[in-house]
């Protein structure tokens, strides 16, 4: 197939520059930074019941409201912070999601204090290498997998909220733990194992 025959995954339409840029530069790119992975897990949890484009459009406001998604700060949020966030029209004003974010920061810190690196923990489920799928149509892409169910259960045992298997699979796609760009998409590229440079 020639380069001119390739087309972007259909969920990211050409007429939405924000969505197209997200697809072309972020979605499916392996992320290995622990804090960045935690932020993305929180954002995917924020999406529950909403379209991802809603989160994408509010992402900068969410980052500002949640202190750059610094779990060390968020873990100490109290009722005054919850009230501040609930009054912010630029974010997702769901008390349950805000409270879950605070609890998820505490769970993240508990792992770190126990000597567990969040990135190594997550990538350990895939052996450090992105799972390379070869889907040809969006209807073939699953909403969840047995692996996302396993990770979901383990995260819940650790105290994380808004981490059901569908949310976890969307997260895995976004951070490159699985490569679900369709084979006709220019972003369907071979991916290397964590730490590989060539």
N, C-alpha and C. Protein backbone atom coordinates (compact mmCIF):
# COMPACT_ATOMS: atom_id res chain seq x y z
N UNK A 1 0.85 -1.19 0.00
CA UNK A 1 0.00 0.00 0.00
C UNK A 1 0.89 1.24 0.00
N UNK A 2 0.63 2.19 -0.85
CA UNK A 2 1.46 3.38 -0.94
C UNK A 2 1.04 4.38 0.12
N UNK A 3 1.94 5.35 0.38
CA UNK A 3 1.67 6.36 1.40
C UNK A 3 0.41 7.14 1.09
N UNK A 4 0.13 7.40 -0.21
CA UNK A 4 -1.03 8.19 -0.58
C UNK A 4 -2.33 7.45 -0.33
N UNK A 5 -2.27 6.12 -0.19
CA UNK A 5 -3.48 5.34 0.05
C UNK A 5 -3.80 5.23 1.53
N UNK A 6 -2.87 5.63 2.37
CA UNK A 6 -3.08 5.52 3.81
C UNK A 6 -4.03 6.61 4.30
N UNK A 7 -4.78 6.30 5.33
CA UNK A 7 -5.70 7.29 5.88
C UNK A 7 -5.75 7.17 7.39
N UNK A 8 -5.98 8.29 8.05
CA UNK A 8 -6.05 8.36 9.51
C UNK A 8 -7.21 7.49 10.02
N UNK A 9 -7.07 6.98 11.24
CA UNK A 9 -8.15 6.21 11.86
C UNK A 9 -9.43 7.06 11.85
N UNK A 10 -10.58 6.48 11.50
CA UNK A 10 -11.80 7.26 11.29
C UNK A 10 -12.35 7.96 12.53
N UNK A 11 -11.91 7.57 13.73
CA UNK A 11 -12.41 8.26 14.93
C UNK A 11 -11.82 9.66 15.08
N UNK A 12 -10.80 9.98 14.31
CA UNK A 12 -10.16 11.30 14.37
C UNK A 12 -10.36 12.02 13.04
N UNK A 13 -11.51 12.66 12.84
CA UNK A 13 -11.81 13.27 11.54
C UNK A 13 -10.87 14.41 11.18
N UNK A 14 -10.61 14.54 9.88
CA UNK A 14 -9.72 15.59 9.37
C UNK A 14 -10.24 16.98 9.69
N UNK A 15 -11.56 17.12 9.84
CA UNK A 15 -12.12 18.46 10.03
C UNK A 15 -12.10 18.92 11.49
N UNK A 16 -11.50 18.14 12.37
CA UNK A 16 -11.33 18.55 13.76
C UNK A 16 -9.83 18.57 14.05
N UNK A 17 -9.19 19.74 13.94
CA UNK A 17 -7.73 19.82 14.09
C UNK A 17 -7.22 19.30 15.43
N UNK A 18 -7.97 19.53 16.52
CA UNK A 18 -7.54 19.07 17.84
C UNK A 18 -7.51 17.56 17.90
N UNK A 19 -8.58 16.94 17.42
CA UNK A 19 -8.65 15.48 17.41
C UNK A 19 -7.59 14.88 16.50
N UNK A 20 -7.42 15.49 15.32
CA UNK A 20 -6.44 14.99 14.36
C UNK A 20 -5.03 15.07 14.93
N UNK A 21 -4.72 16.19 15.58
CA UNK A 21 -3.38 16.35 16.16
C UNK A 21 -3.15 15.34 17.28
N UNK A 22 -4.18 15.10 18.10
CA UNK A 22 -4.07 14.12 19.18
C UNK A 22 -3.79 12.74 18.60
N UNK A 23 -4.53 12.38 17.57
CA UNK A 23 -4.33 11.09 16.91
C UNK A 23 -2.92 10.98 16.33
N UNK A 24 -2.46 12.04 15.68
CA UNK A 24 -1.20 11.99 14.94
C UNK A 24 0.03 12.06 15.83
N UNK A 25 -0.09 12.68 17.02
CA UNK A 25 1.12 12.92 17.81
C UNK A 25 1.12 12.26 19.20
N UNK A 26 -0.05 11.84 19.70
CA UNK A 26 -0.10 11.31 21.06
C UNK A 26 -0.66 9.89 21.15
N UNK A 27 -1.83 9.66 20.56
CA UNK A 27 -2.56 8.41 20.77
C UNK A 27 -1.74 7.23 20.24
N UNK A 28 -1.48 6.28 21.10
CA UNK A 28 -0.75 5.09 20.69
C UNK A 28 0.75 5.22 20.78
N UNK A 29 1.25 6.40 21.16
CA UNK A 29 2.70 6.57 21.34
C UNK A 29 3.07 6.04 22.72
N UNK A 30 3.98 5.08 22.83
CA UNK A 30 4.31 4.52 24.13
C UNK A 30 4.80 5.59 25.11
N UNK A 31 4.14 5.61 26.26
CA UNK A 31 4.48 6.55 27.33
C UNK A 31 5.05 5.75 28.49
N UNK A 32 6.22 6.16 28.99
CA UNK A 32 6.87 5.42 30.06
C UNK A 32 7.07 6.25 31.34
N UNK A 33 6.66 7.52 31.32
CA UNK A 33 6.79 8.35 32.50
C UNK A 33 5.65 8.06 33.47
N UNK A 34 5.98 7.75 34.70
CA UNK A 34 4.97 7.34 35.68
C UNK A 34 3.90 8.40 35.92
N UNK A 35 4.34 9.66 36.11
CA UNK A 35 3.36 10.70 36.39
C UNK A 35 2.47 10.95 35.18
N UNK A 36 3.05 10.93 33.99
CA UNK A 36 2.25 11.14 32.78
C UNK A 36 1.25 10.00 32.58
N UNK A 37 1.66 8.79 32.90
CA UNK A 37 0.73 7.65 32.82
C UNK A 37 -0.41 7.82 33.81
N UNK A 38 -0.09 8.26 35.02
CA UNK A 38 -1.13 8.48 36.02
C UNK A 38 -2.11 9.55 35.55
N UNK A 39 -1.59 10.64 35.01
CA UNK A 39 -2.47 11.71 34.48
C UNK A 39 -3.41 11.16 33.42
N UNK A 40 -2.88 10.37 32.51
CA UNK A 40 -3.71 9.84 31.43
C UNK A 40 -4.77 8.89 31.97
N UNK A 41 -4.43 8.11 32.99
CA UNK A 41 -5.42 7.23 33.60
C UNK A 41 -6.54 8.05 34.22
N UNK A 42 -6.19 9.16 34.87
CA UNK A 42 -7.19 10.04 35.46
C UNK A 42 -8.08 10.64 34.38
N UNK A 43 -7.48 11.11 33.29
CA UNK A 43 -8.26 11.70 32.21
C UNK A 43 -9.20 10.69 31.58
N UNK A 44 -8.74 9.45 31.43
CA UNK A 44 -9.63 8.42 30.88
C UNK A 44 -10.77 8.13 31.84
N UNK A 45 -10.51 8.19 33.13
CA UNK A 45 -11.58 8.03 34.10
C UNK A 45 -12.56 9.20 34.05
N UNK A 46 -12.04 10.40 33.84
CA UNK A 46 -12.90 11.58 33.69
C UNK A 46 -13.84 11.44 32.51
N UNK A 47 -13.40 10.68 31.50
CA UNK A 47 -14.20 10.53 30.28
C UNK A 47 -15.46 9.70 30.50
N UNK A 48 -15.50 8.89 31.52
CA UNK A 48 -16.63 7.97 31.73
C UNK A 48 -17.97 8.67 31.49
N UNK A 49 -18.73 8.16 30.53
CA UNK A 49 -20.03 8.74 30.20
C UNK A 49 -19.97 9.91 29.25
N UNK A 50 -18.77 10.29 28.82
CA UNK A 50 -18.59 11.45 27.95
C UNK A 50 -17.80 11.06 26.71
N UNK A 51 -17.76 11.95 25.73
CA UNK A 51 -16.93 11.74 24.55
C UNK A 51 -15.51 12.19 24.85
N UNK A 52 -14.51 11.49 24.30
CA UNK A 52 -13.13 11.85 24.56
C UNK A 52 -12.82 13.28 24.12
N UNK A 53 -13.45 13.75 23.05
CA UNK A 53 -13.18 15.11 22.58
C UNK A 53 -13.53 16.13 23.67
N UNK A 54 -14.52 15.83 24.51
CA UNK A 54 -14.87 16.73 25.61
C UNK A 54 -13.69 16.87 26.56
N UNK A 55 -13.05 15.75 26.89
CA UNK A 55 -11.88 15.78 27.77
C UNK A 55 -10.73 16.49 27.10
N UNK A 56 -10.53 16.22 25.83
CA UNK A 56 -9.43 16.83 25.09
C UNK A 56 -9.57 18.35 25.08
N UNK A 57 -10.78 18.82 24.90
CA UNK A 57 -11.00 20.27 24.87
C UNK A 57 -10.84 20.91 26.25
N UNK A 58 -11.04 20.13 27.30
CA UNK A 58 -10.92 20.66 28.66
C UNK A 58 -9.58 20.31 29.31
N UNK A 59 -8.72 19.63 28.60
CA UNK A 59 -7.50 19.10 29.21
C UNK A 59 -6.62 20.19 29.83
N UNK A 60 -6.43 21.30 29.15
CA UNK A 60 -5.60 22.37 29.71
C UNK A 60 -6.22 22.94 30.98
N UNK A 61 -7.54 23.09 30.97
CA UNK A 61 -8.23 23.59 32.16
C UNK A 61 -8.15 22.59 33.30
N UNK A 62 -8.26 21.31 32.97
CA UNK A 62 -8.14 20.27 33.99
C UNK A 62 -6.74 20.28 34.60
N UNK A 63 -5.72 20.42 33.77
CA UNK A 63 -4.35 20.45 34.27
C UNK A 63 -4.14 21.63 35.20
N UNK A 64 -4.68 22.78 34.82
CA UNK A 64 -4.54 23.97 35.67
C UNK A 64 -5.28 23.80 36.99
N UNK A 65 -6.50 23.27 36.92
CA UNK A 65 -7.32 23.12 38.12
C UNK A 65 -6.75 22.08 39.08
N UNK A 66 -6.12 21.04 38.54
CA UNK A 66 -5.58 19.95 39.35
C UNK A 66 -4.06 20.06 39.54
N UNK A 67 -3.55 21.29 39.61
CA UNK A 67 -2.13 21.51 39.92
C UNK A 67 -1.20 20.68 39.05
N UNK A 68 -1.46 20.71 37.74
CA UNK A 68 -0.59 19.98 36.82
C UNK A 68 -0.63 18.48 36.99
N UNK A 69 -1.71 17.99 37.57
CA UNK A 69 -1.86 16.56 37.86
C UNK A 69 -0.64 16.03 38.62
N UNK A 70 -0.25 16.77 39.63
CA UNK A 70 0.83 16.35 40.52
C UNK A 70 0.20 15.54 41.66
N UNK A 71 0.42 14.23 41.67
CA UNK A 71 -0.24 13.41 42.70
C UNK A 71 0.19 13.78 44.12
N UNK A 72 1.39 14.31 44.29
CA UNK A 72 1.84 14.70 45.63
C UNK A 72 0.97 15.82 46.19
N UNK A 73 0.52 16.72 45.32
CA UNK A 73 -0.34 17.82 45.75
C UNK A 73 -1.79 17.35 45.88
N UNK A 74 -2.26 16.63 44.87
CA UNK A 74 -3.67 16.23 44.83
C UNK A 74 -4.03 15.30 45.99
N UNK A 75 -3.08 14.47 46.41
CA UNK A 75 -3.34 13.53 47.51
C UNK A 75 -3.73 14.25 48.79
N UNK A 76 -3.33 15.52 48.91
CA UNK A 76 -3.64 16.28 50.11
C UNK A 76 -4.86 17.17 49.99
N UNK A 77 -5.58 17.08 48.88
CA UNK A 77 -6.79 17.90 48.70
C UNK A 77 -7.83 17.57 49.77
N UNK A 78 -8.52 18.63 50.22
CA UNK A 78 -9.61 18.47 51.17
C UNK A 78 -10.90 19.03 50.63
N UNK A 79 -11.86 19.26 51.51
CA UNK A 79 -13.18 19.73 51.09
C UNK A 79 -13.13 21.09 50.40
N UNK A 80 -12.22 21.97 50.83
CA UNK A 80 -12.12 23.28 50.17
C UNK A 80 -11.69 23.13 48.72
N UNK A 81 -10.79 22.20 48.45
CA UNK A 81 -10.35 21.95 47.07
C UNK A 81 -11.48 21.34 46.25
N UNK A 82 -12.23 20.43 46.86
CA UNK A 82 -13.36 19.81 46.15
C UNK A 82 -14.38 20.89 45.79
N UNK A 83 -14.67 21.79 46.72
CA UNK A 83 -15.61 22.88 46.45
C UNK A 83 -15.10 23.79 45.34
N UNK A 84 -13.79 24.08 45.37
CA UNK A 84 -13.18 24.91 44.32
C UNK A 84 -13.34 24.26 42.96
N UNK A 85 -13.08 22.98 42.90
CA UNK A 85 -13.16 22.25 41.63
C UNK A 85 -14.61 22.16 41.13
N UNK A 86 -15.53 21.92 42.04
CA UNK A 86 -16.94 21.83 41.65
C UNK A 86 -17.47 23.15 41.12
N UNK A 87 -16.82 24.24 41.47
CA UNK A 87 -17.24 25.57 41.01
C UNK A 87 -16.55 26.00 39.72
N UNK A 88 -15.64 25.17 39.22
CA UNK A 88 -14.85 25.53 38.03
C UNK A 88 -15.56 25.06 36.76
N UNK A 89 -16.08 25.99 35.94
CA UNK A 89 -16.81 25.60 34.74
C UNK A 89 -15.92 25.03 33.63
N UNK A 90 -14.61 25.16 33.79
CA UNK A 90 -13.71 24.68 32.75
C UNK A 90 -13.36 23.21 32.84
N UNK A 91 -13.87 22.53 33.89
CA UNK A 91 -13.52 21.12 34.07
C UNK A 91 -14.78 20.25 34.11
N UNK A 92 -14.58 18.97 34.35
CA UNK A 92 -15.69 18.04 34.54
C UNK A 92 -16.10 18.14 36.01
N UNK A 93 -17.27 18.74 36.25
CA UNK A 93 -17.68 19.00 37.64
C UNK A 93 -18.52 17.84 38.18
N UNK A 94 -17.83 16.75 38.41
CA UNK A 94 -18.44 15.56 38.98
C UNK A 94 -17.76 15.29 40.32
N UNK A 95 -18.52 15.37 41.39
CA UNK A 95 -17.93 15.14 42.71
C UNK A 95 -17.29 13.75 42.80
N UNK A 96 -17.96 12.74 42.25
CA UNK A 96 -17.42 11.38 42.35
C UNK A 96 -16.10 11.27 41.61
N UNK A 97 -15.96 11.94 40.47
CA UNK A 97 -14.71 11.87 39.72
C UNK A 97 -13.61 12.68 40.41
N UNK A 98 -13.97 13.79 41.01
CA UNK A 98 -12.99 14.59 41.74
C UNK A 98 -12.48 13.82 42.96
N UNK A 99 -13.40 13.25 43.72
CA UNK A 99 -13.01 12.46 44.90
C UNK A 99 -12.17 11.25 44.48
N UNK A 100 -12.53 10.63 43.35
CA UNK A 100 -11.75 9.49 42.85
C UNK A 100 -10.34 9.92 42.47
N UNK A 101 -10.20 11.10 41.90
CA UNK A 101 -8.87 11.59 41.53
C UNK A 101 -8.00 11.76 42.77
N UNK A 102 -8.57 12.27 43.84
CA UNK A 102 -7.82 12.42 45.09
C UNK A 102 -7.41 11.05 45.62
N UNK A 103 -8.36 10.12 45.64
CA UNK A 103 -8.05 8.76 46.09
C UNK A 103 -7.03 8.07 45.20
N UNK A 104 -7.10 8.33 43.90
CA UNK A 104 -6.14 7.72 42.97
C UNK A 104 -4.74 8.29 43.17
N UNK A 105 -4.66 9.57 43.55
CA UNK A 105 -3.36 10.16 43.88
C UNK A 105 -2.78 9.47 45.12
N UNK A 106 -3.64 9.22 46.09
CA UNK A 106 -3.19 8.54 47.31
C UNK A 106 -2.75 7.11 47.02
N UNK A 107 -3.47 6.43 46.13
CA UNK A 107 -3.09 5.06 45.75
C UNK A 107 -1.76 5.05 45.00
N UNK A 108 -1.56 6.04 44.13
CA UNK A 108 -0.31 6.18 43.39
C UNK A 108 0.86 6.37 44.36
N UNK A 109 0.66 7.26 45.34
CA UNK A 109 1.72 7.53 46.31
C UNK A 109 1.99 6.30 47.18
N UNK A 110 0.95 5.56 47.51
CA UNK A 110 1.13 4.34 48.31
C UNK A 110 2.01 3.34 47.57
N UNK A 111 1.79 3.22 46.26
CA UNK A 111 2.62 2.33 45.46
C UNK A 111 4.07 2.81 45.46
N UNK A 112 4.25 4.11 45.26
CA UNK A 112 5.60 4.66 45.23
C UNK A 112 6.31 4.46 46.56
N UNK A 113 5.59 4.69 47.64
CA UNK A 113 6.18 4.54 48.97
C UNK A 113 6.53 3.08 49.27
N UNK A 114 5.83 2.16 48.60
CA UNK A 114 6.12 0.73 48.77
C UNK A 114 7.23 0.26 47.81
N UNK A 115 7.80 1.22 47.06
CA UNK A 115 8.89 0.88 46.15
C UNK A 115 8.45 0.43 44.78
N UNK A 116 7.16 0.63 44.46
CA UNK A 116 6.65 0.22 43.14
C UNK A 116 6.59 1.42 42.21
N UNK A 117 7.26 1.30 41.08
CA UNK A 117 7.20 2.34 40.05
C UNK A 117 5.95 2.11 39.21
N UNK A 118 5.14 3.14 39.06
CA UNK A 118 3.86 3.01 38.37
C UNK A 118 4.05 2.57 36.92
N UNK A 119 5.06 3.12 36.26
CA UNK A 119 5.31 2.75 34.87
C UNK A 119 5.73 1.29 34.75
N UNK A 120 6.69 0.89 35.57
CA UNK A 120 7.16 -0.50 35.52
C UNK A 120 6.02 -1.46 35.85
N UNK A 121 5.17 -1.06 36.80
CA UNK A 121 4.01 -1.88 37.17
C UNK A 121 3.10 -2.10 35.96
N UNK A 122 2.71 -1.00 35.30
CA UNK A 122 1.79 -1.11 34.16
C UNK A 122 2.41 -1.86 32.99
N UNK A 123 3.62 -1.47 32.62
CA UNK A 123 4.26 -2.11 31.46
C UNK A 123 4.63 -3.56 31.75
N UNK A 124 4.70 -3.92 33.01
CA UNK A 124 4.96 -5.32 33.34
C UNK A 124 3.88 -6.25 32.83
N UNK A 125 2.67 -5.72 32.67
CA UNK A 125 1.57 -6.54 32.16
C UNK A 125 1.76 -6.91 30.68
N UNK A 126 2.59 -6.15 29.96
CA UNK A 126 2.82 -6.44 28.53
C UNK A 126 4.26 -6.84 28.27
N UNK A 127 5.03 -7.09 29.32
CA UNK A 127 6.42 -7.45 29.15
C UNK A 127 7.27 -6.27 28.67
N UNK A 128 6.78 -5.06 28.90
CA UNK A 128 7.54 -3.87 28.48
C UNK A 128 7.40 -3.52 27.02
N UNK A 129 6.65 -4.30 26.28
CA UNK A 129 6.52 -4.09 24.84
C UNK A 129 5.06 -3.84 24.46
N UNK A 130 4.80 -2.83 23.63
CA UNK A 130 3.42 -2.62 23.16
C UNK A 130 2.89 -3.85 22.43
N UNK A 131 1.63 -4.14 22.64
CA UNK A 131 0.96 -5.22 21.91
C UNK A 131 0.58 -4.69 20.54
N UNK A 132 1.06 -5.34 19.51
CA UNK A 132 0.87 -4.86 18.14
C UNK A 132 -0.36 -5.55 17.52
N UNK A 133 -1.47 -4.83 17.48
CA UNK A 133 -2.67 -5.38 16.84
C UNK A 133 -2.70 -5.01 15.37
N UNK A 134 -3.48 -5.74 14.60
CA UNK A 134 -3.55 -5.49 13.16
C UNK A 134 -5.02 -5.44 12.71
N UNK A 135 -5.75 -4.50 13.28
CA UNK A 135 -7.16 -4.35 12.95
C UNK A 135 -7.31 -3.56 11.64
N UNK A 136 -8.27 -3.99 10.83
CA UNK A 136 -8.50 -3.32 9.55
C UNK A 136 -9.74 -2.44 9.55
N UNK A 137 -10.59 -2.57 10.56
CA UNK A 137 -11.81 -1.77 10.65
C UNK A 137 -12.12 -1.47 12.11
N UNK A 138 -12.76 -0.34 12.35
CA UNK A 138 -13.07 0.04 13.73
C UNK A 138 -13.95 -0.99 14.43
N UNK A 139 -14.81 -1.65 13.68
CA UNK A 139 -15.71 -2.64 14.29
C UNK A 139 -14.93 -3.83 14.88
N UNK A 140 -13.67 -4.00 14.46
CA UNK A 140 -12.86 -5.11 14.96
C UNK A 140 -12.15 -4.77 16.27
N UNK A 141 -12.08 -3.48 16.59
CA UNK A 141 -11.34 -3.04 17.78
C UNK A 141 -12.21 -3.28 19.02
N UNK A 142 -11.70 -4.02 20.00
CA UNK A 142 -12.52 -4.34 21.18
C UNK A 142 -12.65 -3.15 22.12
N UNK A 143 -13.69 -3.17 22.93
CA UNK A 143 -13.87 -2.15 23.96
C UNK A 143 -13.10 -2.51 25.22
N UNK A 144 -12.87 -3.81 25.41
CA UNK A 144 -12.07 -4.30 26.53
C UNK A 144 -11.50 -5.65 26.14
N UNK A 145 -10.53 -6.11 26.89
CA UNK A 145 -9.88 -7.39 26.63
C UNK A 145 -9.67 -8.11 27.96
N UNK A 146 -9.35 -9.39 27.92
CA UNK A 146 -9.03 -10.08 29.17
C UNK A 146 -7.89 -9.40 29.93
N UNK A 147 -6.91 -8.85 29.20
CA UNK A 147 -5.81 -8.17 29.88
C UNK A 147 -6.28 -6.88 30.55
N UNK A 148 -7.15 -6.12 29.88
CA UNK A 148 -7.64 -4.89 30.52
C UNK A 148 -8.49 -5.23 31.75
N UNK A 149 -9.17 -6.38 31.72
CA UNK A 149 -9.93 -6.81 32.89
C UNK A 149 -8.99 -7.17 34.04
N UNK A 150 -7.88 -7.82 33.72
CA UNK A 150 -6.89 -8.18 34.75
C UNK A 150 -6.30 -6.93 35.38
N UNK A 151 -5.90 -5.96 34.54
CA UNK A 151 -5.30 -4.73 35.05
C UNK A 151 -6.32 -3.95 35.88
N UNK A 152 -7.55 -3.90 35.39
CA UNK A 152 -8.62 -3.21 36.10
C UNK A 152 -8.79 -3.78 37.51
N UNK A 153 -8.87 -5.09 37.60
CA UNK A 153 -9.04 -5.74 38.90
C UNK A 153 -7.88 -5.43 39.83
N UNK A 154 -6.67 -5.43 39.28
CA UNK A 154 -5.50 -5.18 40.12
C UNK A 154 -5.45 -3.73 40.59
N UNK A 155 -5.79 -2.80 39.70
CA UNK A 155 -5.84 -1.39 40.10
C UNK A 155 -6.89 -1.16 41.20
N UNK A 156 -8.05 -1.80 41.05
CA UNK A 156 -9.10 -1.65 42.05
C UNK A 156 -8.65 -2.20 43.40
N UNK A 157 -7.92 -3.31 43.40
CA UNK A 157 -7.40 -3.87 44.65
C UNK A 157 -6.47 -2.88 45.34
N UNK A 158 -5.81 -2.05 44.56
CA UNK A 158 -4.86 -1.07 45.09
C UNK A 158 -5.54 0.23 45.49
N UNK A 159 -6.86 0.30 45.30
CA UNK A 159 -7.61 1.47 45.74
C UNK A 159 -7.97 2.46 44.65
N UNK A 160 -7.65 2.16 43.41
CA UNK A 160 -7.98 3.07 42.31
C UNK A 160 -9.47 2.98 41.97
N UNK A 161 -10.04 4.12 41.55
CA UNK A 161 -11.44 4.21 41.15
C UNK A 161 -11.53 4.69 39.70
N UNK A 162 -12.69 4.46 39.09
CA UNK A 162 -12.91 4.79 37.68
C UNK A 162 -11.86 4.13 36.81
N UNK A 163 -11.63 2.85 37.06
CA UNK A 163 -10.64 2.08 36.31
C UNK A 163 -11.26 0.74 35.88
N UNK A 164 -12.50 0.80 35.37
CA UNK A 164 -13.12 -0.41 34.85
C UNK A 164 -12.38 -0.89 33.61
N UNK A 165 -12.65 -2.10 33.15
CA UNK A 165 -11.90 -2.67 32.02
C UNK A 165 -12.02 -1.89 30.72
N UNK A 166 -13.15 -1.21 30.48
CA UNK A 166 -13.28 -0.40 29.26
C UNK A 166 -12.41 0.85 29.37
N UNK A 167 -12.45 1.50 30.53
CA UNK A 167 -11.59 2.67 30.75
C UNK A 167 -10.12 2.26 30.64
N UNK A 168 -9.76 1.14 31.24
CA UNK A 168 -8.37 0.68 31.21
C UNK A 168 -7.94 0.38 29.78
N UNK A 169 -8.82 -0.21 28.98
CA UNK A 169 -8.41 -0.51 27.60
C UNK A 169 -8.23 0.77 26.80
N UNK A 170 -9.10 1.76 26.99
CA UNK A 170 -8.93 3.05 26.32
C UNK A 170 -7.60 3.67 26.73
N UNK A 171 -7.26 3.55 28.00
CA UNK A 171 -5.98 4.03 28.52
C UNK A 171 -4.82 3.30 27.84
N UNK A 172 -4.91 1.98 27.76
CA UNK A 172 -3.85 1.18 27.13
C UNK A 172 -3.63 1.60 25.68
N UNK A 173 -4.72 1.88 24.98
CA UNK A 173 -4.61 2.34 23.59
C UNK A 173 -3.91 3.70 23.54
N UNK A 174 -4.32 4.59 24.41
CA UNK A 174 -3.82 5.97 24.38
C UNK A 174 -2.33 6.04 24.69
N UNK A 175 -1.87 5.24 25.66
CA UNK A 175 -0.47 5.33 26.08
C UNK A 175 0.42 4.32 25.37
N UNK A 176 -0.11 3.66 24.34
CA UNK A 176 0.72 2.79 23.52
C UNK A 176 1.00 1.42 24.08
N UNK A 177 0.30 1.02 25.14
CA UNK A 177 0.47 -0.35 25.62
C UNK A 177 -0.07 -1.34 24.59
N UNK A 178 -1.06 -0.88 23.83
CA UNK A 178 -1.51 -1.61 22.64
C UNK A 178 -1.49 -0.63 21.47
N UNK A 179 -1.12 -1.13 20.31
CA UNK A 179 -1.15 -0.31 19.10
C UNK A 179 -2.42 -0.67 18.34
N UNK A 180 -3.45 0.17 18.48
CA UNK A 180 -4.73 -0.09 17.82
C UNK A 180 -5.00 0.86 16.66
N UNK A 181 -3.95 1.53 16.16
CA UNK A 181 -4.14 2.25 14.90
C UNK A 181 -4.46 1.20 13.83
N UNK A 182 -5.44 1.47 13.01
CA UNK A 182 -5.78 0.53 11.95
C UNK A 182 -4.59 0.37 11.01
N UNK A 183 -4.50 -0.79 10.36
CA UNK A 183 -3.32 -1.07 9.53
C UNK A 183 -3.21 -0.08 8.37
N UNK A 184 -4.31 0.54 7.94
CA UNK A 184 -4.26 1.50 6.85
C UNK A 184 -3.89 2.90 7.31
N UNK A 185 -3.66 3.06 8.61
CA UNK A 185 -3.34 4.37 9.17
C UNK A 185 -1.82 4.60 9.14
N UNK A 186 -1.38 5.80 8.77
CA UNK A 186 0.06 6.08 8.76
C UNK A 186 0.72 5.91 10.13
N UNK A 187 -0.07 5.97 11.22
CA UNK A 187 0.49 5.84 12.56
C UNK A 187 0.59 4.38 13.02
N UNK A 188 0.18 3.46 12.15
CA UNK A 188 0.34 2.04 12.49
C UNK A 188 1.78 1.66 12.19
N UNK A 189 2.64 1.92 13.16
CA UNK A 189 4.08 1.74 12.96
C UNK A 189 4.60 0.67 13.90
N UNK A 190 5.69 0.02 13.53
CA UNK A 190 6.30 -0.90 14.49
C UNK A 190 6.71 -0.14 15.74
N UNK A 191 6.53 -0.75 16.88
CA UNK A 191 6.89 -0.11 18.14
C UNK A 191 7.94 -0.95 18.84
N UNK A 192 8.83 -0.27 19.58
CA UNK A 192 9.93 -0.96 20.24
C UNK A 192 9.61 -1.23 21.70
N UNK A 193 10.34 -2.17 22.24
CA UNK A 193 10.20 -2.51 23.66
C UNK A 193 10.77 -1.38 24.51
N UNK A 194 10.25 -1.24 25.71
CA UNK A 194 10.74 -0.22 26.64
C UNK A 194 12.26 -0.29 26.76
N UNK A 195 12.92 0.83 26.50
CA UNK A 195 14.37 0.91 26.62
C UNK A 195 15.12 0.64 25.33
N UNK A 196 14.46 0.08 24.31
CA UNK A 196 15.13 -0.17 23.04
C UNK A 196 15.32 1.15 22.28
N UNK A 197 16.44 1.29 21.63
CA UNK A 197 16.70 2.50 20.84
C UNK A 197 16.87 2.20 19.36
N UNK A 198 16.95 0.96 18.99
CA UNK A 198 17.10 0.63 17.57
C UNK A 198 16.50 -0.74 17.30
